[in-house]
Amino acid sequence: MKMVWKKREREDGRKKRSRATAADLDLPFDASEEETAAAKEEEKKGFNNVGALDLDSRSSDPGQLAESFRSQGNQLAEEGKYREALGKWEAALMLTPDKAVLHEQKAQVLLELGDAWNALKAASRATELEPSWPESWTTLARAQLNFGEPEASIQSFDKALALKPGCQDIESDREIASRLVKRRKQLRLSGSTMSDGRFVVKDRDGDVKDAGIH
């Protein structure tokens, strides 16, 4: 499921959450080997400068420096430079490791990059640090859905809705997860045998995409 980075920001400076659509069930864990190899190569480049804080930076206020890195990462993410943005946020996390918004934003770009597992871990950390923030639960739910765990994602969506009742974006994404769970149950009840543990869904153009059953 492709996540789209929104360029608009919340009033408190956090990014508006990306929104999934019912047609976006082409979950990213079916990426090609070439794409995976290219992503790993880009990741090496993106993290080369994470720890490159000069002497002046080390003597600066950690909070202000972290906020500077976060702002730079926000700008890079808006420009679609996700690897570079990730590097900036990693640098910010080295200075302020308990800032939930950084973990949540990190999870968002990791979803963009097709790394659902690390996105799930980052979003989980955000919920631990700020359990009353609905956006952290929403991003966790989307990471779980991308990782092939729609049942778990429904639980996270429910937690987000409990904190932010009536949010249409969250309700829409929860419906996607619910339909995926129902689809799995239908396949199991029909006695379909899937030796490779996968089933297929269609994207908005009618092309077949396969999604794993775990």
C-alpha atoms as a PDB file:
ATOM      1  CA  MET A   1       0.000   0.000   0.000  1.00  0.00           C
ATOM      2  CA  LYS A   2       1.592   3.224  -1.137  1.00  0.00           C
ATOM      3  CA  MET A   3       1.755   6.021   1.391  1.00  0.00           C
ATOM      4  CA  VAL A   4       1.811   9.622   0.228  1.00  0.00           C
ATOM      5  CA  TRP A   5       3.723  12.286   2.120  1.00  0.00           C
ATOM      6  CA  LYS A   6       1.513  15.330   2.670  1.00  0.00           C
ATOM      7  CA  LYS A   7       3.159  18.728   2.296  1.00  0.00           C
ATOM      8  CA  ARG A   8       0.795  20.477   4.676  1.00  0.00           C
ATOM      9  CA  GLU A   9       1.749  20.595   8.351  1.00  0.00           C
ATOM     10  CA  ARG A  10      -0.357  20.451  11.472  1.00  0.00           C
ATOM     11  CA  GLU A  11      -0.613  23.628  13.542  1.00  0.00           C
ATOM     12  CA  ASP A  12       1.695  22.087  16.148  1.00  0.00           C
ATOM     13  CA  GLY A  13       4.398  21.537  13.534  1.00  0.00           C
ATOM     14  CA  ARG A  14       3.824  17.814  13.020  1.00  0.00           C
ATOM     15  CA  LYS A  15       3.176  16.475   9.579  1.00  0.00           C
ATOM     16  CA  LYS A  16      -0.366  15.717   8.509  1.00  0.00           C
ATOM     17  CA  ARG A  17      -0.662  11.970   8.304  1.00  0.00           C
ATOM     18  CA  SER A  18      -0.526  10.279   4.949  1.00  0.00           C
ATOM     19  CA  ARG A  19      -3.778   8.709   3.813  1.00  0.00           C
ATOM     20  CA  ALA A  20      -4.395   5.383   2.132  1.00  0.00           C
ATOM     21  CA  THR A  21      -7.177   4.653  -0.330  1.00  0.00           C
ATOM     22  CA  ALA A  22      -9.126   1.469  -0.986  1.00  0.00           C
ATOM     23  CA  ALA A  23      -7.396   1.138  -4.349  1.00  0.00           C
ATOM     24  CA  ASP A  24      -3.955   1.214  -2.771  1.00  0.00           C
ATOM     25  CA  LEU A  25      -3.793  -2.439  -1.702  1.00  0.00           C
ATOM     26  CA  ASP A  26      -0.586  -3.036  -3.666  1.00  0.00           C
ATOM     27  CA  LEU A  27       1.279  -3.668  -0.423  1.00  0.00           C
ATOM     28  CA  PRO A  28       5.012  -2.945  -0.626  1.00  0.00           C
ATOM     29  CA  PHE A  29       6.293  -6.301   0.542  1.00  0.00           C
ATOM     30  CA  ASP A  30       6.167  -7.599  -3.044  1.00  0.00           C
ATOM     31  CA  ALA A  31       8.965  -5.278  -4.194  1.00  0.00           C
ATOM     32  CA  SER A  32      11.391  -6.655  -6.763  1.00  0.00           C
ATOM     33  CA  GLU A  33      14.904  -7.738  -5.879  1.00  0.00           C
ATOM     34  CA  GLU A  34      16.289  -4.905  -8.011  1.00  0.00           C
ATOM     35  CA  GLU A  35      14.272  -2.334  -6.086  1.00  0.00           C
ATOM     36  CA  THR A  36      15.394  -3.841  -2.774  1.00  0.00           C
ATOM     37  CA  ALA A  37      19.048  -3.771  -3.795  1.00  0.00           C
ATOM     38  CA  ALA A  38      18.771  -0.183  -4.985  1.00  0.00           C
ATOM     39  CA  ALA A  39      17.078   0.849  -1.751  1.00  0.00           C
ATOM     40  CA  LYS A  40      19.857  -0.722   0.321  1.00  0.00           C
ATOM     41  CA  GLU A  41      22.497   1.093  -1.709  1.00  0.00           C
ATOM     42  CA  GLU A  42      20.674   4.400  -1.248  1.00  0.00           C
ATOM     43  CA  GLU A  43      20.349   3.683   2.468  1.00  0.00           C
ATOM     44  CA  LYS A  44      24.116   3.386   2.810  1.00  0.00           C
ATOM     45  CA  LYS A  45      24.539   6.762   1.142  1.00  0.00           C
ATOM     46  CA  GLY A  46      21.741   8.356   3.143  1.00  0.00           C
ATOM     47  CA  PHE A  47      23.241   7.437   6.514  1.00  0.00           C
ATOM     48  CA  ASN A  48      26.861   8.338   5.780  1.00  0.00           C
ATOM     49  CA  ASN A  49      26.422  11.788   7.280  1.00  0.00           C
ATOM     50  CA  VAL A  50      24.146  10.909  10.214  1.00  0.00           C
ATOM     51  CA  GLY A  51      26.890  11.140  12.806  1.00  0.00           C
ATOM     52  CA  ALA A  52      28.856  13.877  11.113  1.00  0.00           C
ATOM     53  CA  LEU A  53      28.293  16.573  13.738  1.00  0.00           C
ATOM     54  CA  ASP A  54      31.126  19.117  13.737  1.00  0.00           C
ATOM     55  CA  LEU A  55      32.733  20.507  16.888  1.00  0.00           C
ATOM     56  CA  ASP A  56      30.586  23.645  16.835  1.00  0.00           C
ATOM     57  CA  SER A  57      27.453  21.508  16.609  1.00  0.00           C
ATOM     58  CA  ARG A  58      28.501  19.454  19.604  1.00  0.00           C
ATOM     59  CA  SER A  59      28.826  22.580  21.697  1.00  0.00           C
ATOM     60  CA  SER A  60      25.370  23.851  20.682  1.00  0.00           C
ATOM     61  CA  ASP A  61      22.138  23.269  22.528  1.00  0.00           C
ATOM     62  CA  PRO A  62      21.061  19.680  21.697  1.00  0.00           C
ATOM     63  CA  GLY A  63      17.372  20.570  21.556  1.00  0.00           C
ATOM     64  CA  GLN A  64      17.879  23.450  19.132  1.00  0.00           C
ATOM     65  CA  LEU A  65      20.239  21.410  16.990  1.00  0.00           C
ATOM     66  CA  ALA A  66      17.804  18.495  16.892  1.00  0.00           C
ATOM     67  CA  GLU A  67      14.988  20.834  15.852  1.00  0.00           C
ATOM     68  CA  SER A  68      17.201  22.196  13.083  1.00  0.00           C
ATOM     69  CA  PHE A  69      17.839  18.678  11.803  1.00  0.00           C
ATOM     70  CA  ARG A  70      14.111  17.908  12.027  1.00  0.00           C
ATOM     71  CA  SER A  71      13.211  21.014  10.014  1.00  0.00           C
ATOM     72  CA  GLN A  72      15.781  20.129   7.366  1.00  0.00           C
ATOM     73  CA  GLY A  73      14.365  16.613   7.221  1.00  0.00           C
ATOM     74  CA  ASN A  74      10.841  17.970   6.820  1.00  0.00           C
ATOM     75  CA  GLN A  75      11.915  20.069   3.845  1.00  0.00           C
ATOM     76  CA  LEU A  76      13.734  17.154   2.230  1.00  0.00           C
ATOM     77  CA  ALA A  77      10.721  14.893   2.713  1.00  0.00           C
ATOM     78  CA  GLU A  78       8.438  17.441   1.070  1.00  0.00           C
ATOM     79  CA  GLU A  79      10.835  17.470  -1.887  1.00  0.00           C
ATOM     80  CA  GLY A  80      10.634  13.683  -2.121  1.00  0.00           C
ATOM     81  CA  LYS A  81      14.215  13.195  -0.907  1.00  0.00           C
ATOM     82  CA  TYR A  82      13.278  10.535   1.596  1.00  0.00           C
ATOM     83  CA  ARG A  83      16.710   8.997   2.174  1.00  0.00           C
ATOM     84  CA  GLU A  84      18.203  12.402   2.915  1.00  0.00           C
ATOM     85  CA  ALA A  85      15.279  13.256   5.186  1.00  0.00           C
ATOM     86  CA  LEU A  86      15.765   9.990   7.051  1.00  0.00           C
ATOM     87  CA  GLY A  87      19.410  10.857   7.613  1.00  0.00           C
ATOM     88  CA  LYS A  88      18.509  14.235   9.112  1.00  0.00           C
ATOM     89  CA  TRP A  89      15.926  12.700  11.432  1.00  0.00           C
ATOM     90  CA  GLU A  90      18.371  10.013  12.509  1.00  0.00           C
ATOM     91  CA  ALA A  91      20.802  12.786  13.429  1.00  0.00           C
ATOM     92  CA  ALA A  92      18.049  14.526  15.396  1.00  0.00           C
ATOM     93  CA  LEU A  93      17.238  11.270  17.194  1.00  0.00           C
ATOM     94  CA  MET A  94      20.858  10.926  18.273  1.00  0.00           C
ATOM     95  CA  LEU A  95      20.377  14.210  20.145  1.00  0.00           C
ATOM     96  CA  THR A  96      16.776  13.733  21.311  1.00  0.00           C
ATOM     97  CA  PRO A  97      16.043   9.987  21.252  1.00  0.00           C
ATOM     98  CA  ASP A  98      12.795  10.306  23.210  1.00  0.00           C
ATOM     99  CA  LYS A  99      11.015  12.675  20.811  1.00  0.00           C
ATOM    100  CA  ALA A 100       7.954  10.804  19.574  1.00  0.00           C
ATOM    101  CA  VAL A 101       7.353  12.974  16.516  1.00  0.00           C
ATOM    102  CA  LEU A 102      10.778  12.061  15.124  1.00  0.00           C
ATOM    103  CA  HIS A 103      10.093   8.340  15.426  1.00  0.00           C
ATOM    104  CA  GLU A 104       6.679   8.811  13.816  1.00  0.00           C
ATOM    105  CA  GLN A 105       8.051  10.855  10.907  1.00  0.00           C
ATOM    106  CA  LYS A 106      10.810   8.295  10.486  1.00  0.00           C
ATOM    107  CA  ALA A 107       8.137   5.604  10.225  1.00  0.00           C
ATOM    108  CA  GLN A 108       6.349   7.564   7.508  1.00  0.00           C
ATOM    109  CA  VAL A 109       9.368   7.842   5.217  1.00  0.00           C
ATOM    110  CA  LEU A 110      10.305   4.234   5.853  1.00  0.00           C
ATOM    111  CA  LEU A 111       6.851   3.324   4.552  1.00  0.00           C
ATOM    112  CA  GLU A 112       7.547   5.480   1.509  1.00  0.00           C
ATOM    113  CA  LEU A 113      10.783   3.559   1.001  1.00  0.00           C
ATOM    114  CA  GLY A 114       9.057   0.188   1.322  1.00  0.00           C
ATOM    115  CA  ASP A 115      10.682  -0.754   4.628  1.00  0.00           C
ATOM    116  CA  ALA A 116       7.537  -1.798   6.500  1.00  0.00           C
ATOM    117  CA  TRP A 117       9.347  -3.707   9.251  1.00  0.00           C
ATOM    118  CA  ASN A 118      11.520  -0.791  10.379  1.00  0.00           C
ATOM    119  CA  ALA A 119       8.561   1.548   9.937  1.00  0.00           C
ATOM    120  CA  LEU A 120       6.598  -0.668  12.302  1.00  0.00           C
ATOM    121  CA  LYS A 121       9.389  -0.514  14.885  1.00  0.00           C
ATOM    122  CA  ALA A 122       9.710   3.266  14.632  1.00  0.00           C
ATOM    123  CA  ALA A 123       5.953   3.804  14.908  1.00  0.00           C
ATOM    124  CA  SER A 124       5.775   1.428  17.886  1.00  0.00           C
ATOM    125  CA  ARG A 125       8.397   3.517  19.643  1.00  0.00           C
ATOM    126  CA  ALA A 126       6.373   6.667  18.956  1.00  0.00           C
ATOM    127  CA  THR A 127       3.290   5.111  20.608  1.00  0.00           C
ATOM    128  CA  GLU A 128       5.380   4.113  23.621  1.00  0.00           C
ATOM    129  CA  LEU A 129       6.709   7.655  24.019  1.00  0.00           C
ATOM    130  CA  GLU A 130       3.400   9.416  23.408  1.00  0.00           C
ATOM    131  CA  PRO A 131       0.499   6.956  23.810  1.00  0.00           C
ATOM    132  CA  SER A 132      -2.128   9.706  23.793  1.00  0.00           C
ATOM    133  CA  TRP A 133      -1.140  10.978  20.325  1.00  0.00           C
ATOM    134  CA  PRO A 134      -3.574   9.526  17.746  1.00  0.00           C
ATOM    135  CA  GLU A 135      -1.248  10.076  14.790  1.00  0.00           C
ATOM    136  CA  SER A 136       1.356   7.729  16.255  1.00  0.00           C
ATOM    137  CA  TRP A 137      -1.260   4.956  16.464  1.00  0.00           C
ATOM    138  CA  THR A 138      -2.439   5.725  12.932  1.00  0.00           C
ATOM    139  CA  THR A 139       1.074   5.439  11.515  1.00  0.00           C
ATOM    140  CA  LEU A 140       1.629   2.226  13.476  1.00  0.00           C
ATOM    141  CA  ALA A 141      -1.604   0.817  12.044  1.00  0.00           C
ATOM    142  CA  ARG A 142      -0.521   1.667   8.501  1.00  0.00           C
ATOM    143  CA  ALA A 143       2.877   0.090   9.086  1.00  0.00           C
ATOM    144  CA  GLN A 144       1.206  -3.063  10.397  1.00  0.00           C
ATOM    145  CA  LEU A 145      -1.077  -3.155   7.369  1.00  0.00           C
ATOM    146  CA  ASN A 146       1.878  -2.736   5.014  1.00  0.00           C
ATOM    147  CA  PHE A 147       3.710  -5.492   6.874  1.00  0.00           C
ATOM    148  CA  GLY A 148       0.792  -7.852   6.283  1.00  0.00           C
ATOM    149  CA  GLU A 149      -0.849  -7.724   9.711  1.00  0.00           C
ATOM    150  CA  PRO A 150      -4.332  -6.291   9.064  1.00  0.00           C
ATOM    151  CA  GLU A 151      -5.784  -7.729  12.286  1.00  0.00           C
ATOM    152  CA  ALA A 152      -3.185  -5.904  14.386  1.00  0.00           C
ATOM    153  CA  SER A 153      -3.652  -2.759  12.307  1.00  0.00           C
ATOM    154  CA  ILE A 154      -7.380  -2.714  13.102  1.00  0.00           C
ATOM    155  CA  GLN A 155      -6.575  -2.694  16.813  1.00  0.00           C
ATOM    156  CA  SER A 156      -4.204   0.241  16.322  1.00  0.00           C
ATOM    157  CA  PHE A 157      -6.727   2.102  14.174  1.00  0.00           C
ATOM    158  CA  ASP A 158      -9.278   1.609  16.957  1.00  0.00           C
ATOM    159  CA  LYS A 159      -6.889   3.141  19.479  1.00  0.00           C
ATOM    160  CA  ALA A 160      -6.360   6.099  17.164  1.00  0.00           C
ATOM    161  CA  LEU A 161     -10.124   6.553  16.755  1.00  0.00           C
ATOM    162  CA  ALA A 162     -10.632   6.396  20.506  1.00  0.00           C
ATOM    163  CA  LEU A 163      -8.285   9.373  20.783  1.00  0.00           C
ATOM    164  CA  LYS A 164      -9.608  11.120  17.676  1.00  0.00           C
ATOM    165  CA  PRO A 165     -13.266  10.083  17.177  1.00  0.00           C
ATOM    166  CA  GLY A 166     -14.861  10.569  13.792  1.00  0.00           C
ATOM    167  CA  CYS A 167     -11.638  11.113  11.831  1.00  0.00           C
ATOM    168  CA  GLN A 168     -12.577  10.160   8.271  1.00  0.00           C
ATOM    169  CA  ASP A 169      -9.002   9.391   7.177  1.00  0.00           C
ATOM    170  CA  ILE A 170      -8.536   6.900   9.998  1.00  0.00           C
ATOM    171  CA  GLU A 171     -11.983   5.375   9.483  1.00  0.00           C
ATOM    172  CA  SER A 172     -11.277   4.962   5.760  1.00  0.00           C
ATOM    173  CA  ASP A 173      -7.966   3.220   6.382  1.00  0.00           C
ATOM    174  CA  ARG A 174      -9.542   0.997   9.013  1.00  0.00           C
ATOM    175  CA  GLU A 175     -12.116  -0.059   6.432  1.00  0.00           C
ATOM    176  CA  ILE A 176      -9.308  -1.106   4.085  1.00  0.00           C
ATOM    177  CA  ALA A 177      -7.831  -3.291   6.822  1.00  0.00           C
ATOM    178  CA  SER A 178     -11.254  -4.717   7.653  1.00  0.00           C
ATOM    179  CA  ARG A 179     -11.913  -5.675   4.020  1.00  0.00           C
ATOM    180  CA  LEU A 180      -8.522  -7.352   3.808  1.00  0.00           C
ATOM    181  CA  VAL A 181      -9.272  -9.406   6.929  1.00  0.00           C
ATOM    182  CA  LYS A 182     -12.658 -10.427   5.490  1.00  0.00           C
ATOM    183  CA  ARG A 183     -11.005 -11.379   2.206  1.00  0.00           C
ATOM    184  CA  ARG A 184      -8.597 -13.680   4.014  1.00  0.00           C
ATOM    185  CA  LYS A 185     -11.422 -15.328   5.916  1.00  0.00           C
ATOM    186  CA  GLN A 186     -13.379 -15.875   2.699  1.00  0.00           C
ATOM    187  CA  LEU A 187     -10.398 -17.564   1.092  1.00  0.00           C
ATOM    188  CA  ARG A 188      -9.909 -19.834   4.089  1.00  0.00           C
ATOM    189  CA  LEU A 189     -13.599 -20.765   4.271  1.00  0.00           C
ATOM    190  CA  SER A 190     -13.688 -21.503   0.558  1.00  0.00           C
ATOM    191  CA  GLY A 191     -11.007 -24.133   1.069  1.00  0.00           C
ATOM    192  CA  SER A 192      -8.599 -22.383  -1.259  1.00  0.00           C
ATOM    193  CA  THR A 193      -5.137 -23.843  -1.053  1.00  0.00           C
ATOM    194  CA  MET A 194      -2.267 -21.397  -1.275  1.00  0.00           C
ATOM    195  CA  SER A 195       0.953 -23.311  -1.020  1.00  0.00           C
ATOM    196  CA  ASP A 196       2.985 -20.112  -1.282  1.00  0.00           C
ATOM    197  CA  GLY A 197       0.875 -18.381   1.351  1.00  0.00           C
ATOM    198  CA  ARG A 198      -0.285 -15.538  -0.877  1.00  0.00           C
ATOM    199  CA  PHE A 199      -3.495 -14.226  -2.394  1.00  0.00           C
ATOM    200  CA  VAL A 200      -4.159 -11.542  -4.974  1.00  0.00           C
ATOM    201  CA  VAL A 201      -5.897  -8.188  -4.903  1.00  0.00           C
ATOM    202  CA  LYS A 202      -6.409  -5.671  -7.682  1.00  0.00           C
ATOM    203  CA  ASP A 203      -5.211  -2.109  -7.860  1.00  0.00           C
ATOM    204  CA  ARG A 204      -7.219   0.805  -9.261  1.00  0.00           C
ATOM    205  CA  ASP A 205      -6.262  -0.078 -12.845  1.00  0.00           C
ATOM    206  CA  GLY A 206      -7.405  -3.661 -12.445  1.00  0.00           C
ATOM    207  CA  ASP A 207      -3.880  -5.035 -12.423  1.00  0.00           C
ATOM    208  CA  VAL A 208      -3.341  -7.986 -10.155  1.00  0.00           C
ATOM    209  CA  LYS A 209      -1.155  -7.493  -7.115  1.00  0.00           C
ATOM    210  CA  ASP A 210      -0.338 -10.241  -4.649  1.00  0.00           C
ATOM    211  CA  ALA A 211      -0.241  -9.787  -0.890  1.00  0.00           C
ATOM    212  CA  GLY A 212       1.160 -12.203   1.623  1.00  0.00           C
ATOM    213  CA  ILE A 213      -0.801 -14.088   4.209  1.00  0.00           C
ATOM    214  CA  HIS A 214       1.066 -14.514   7.473  1.00  0.00           C
END
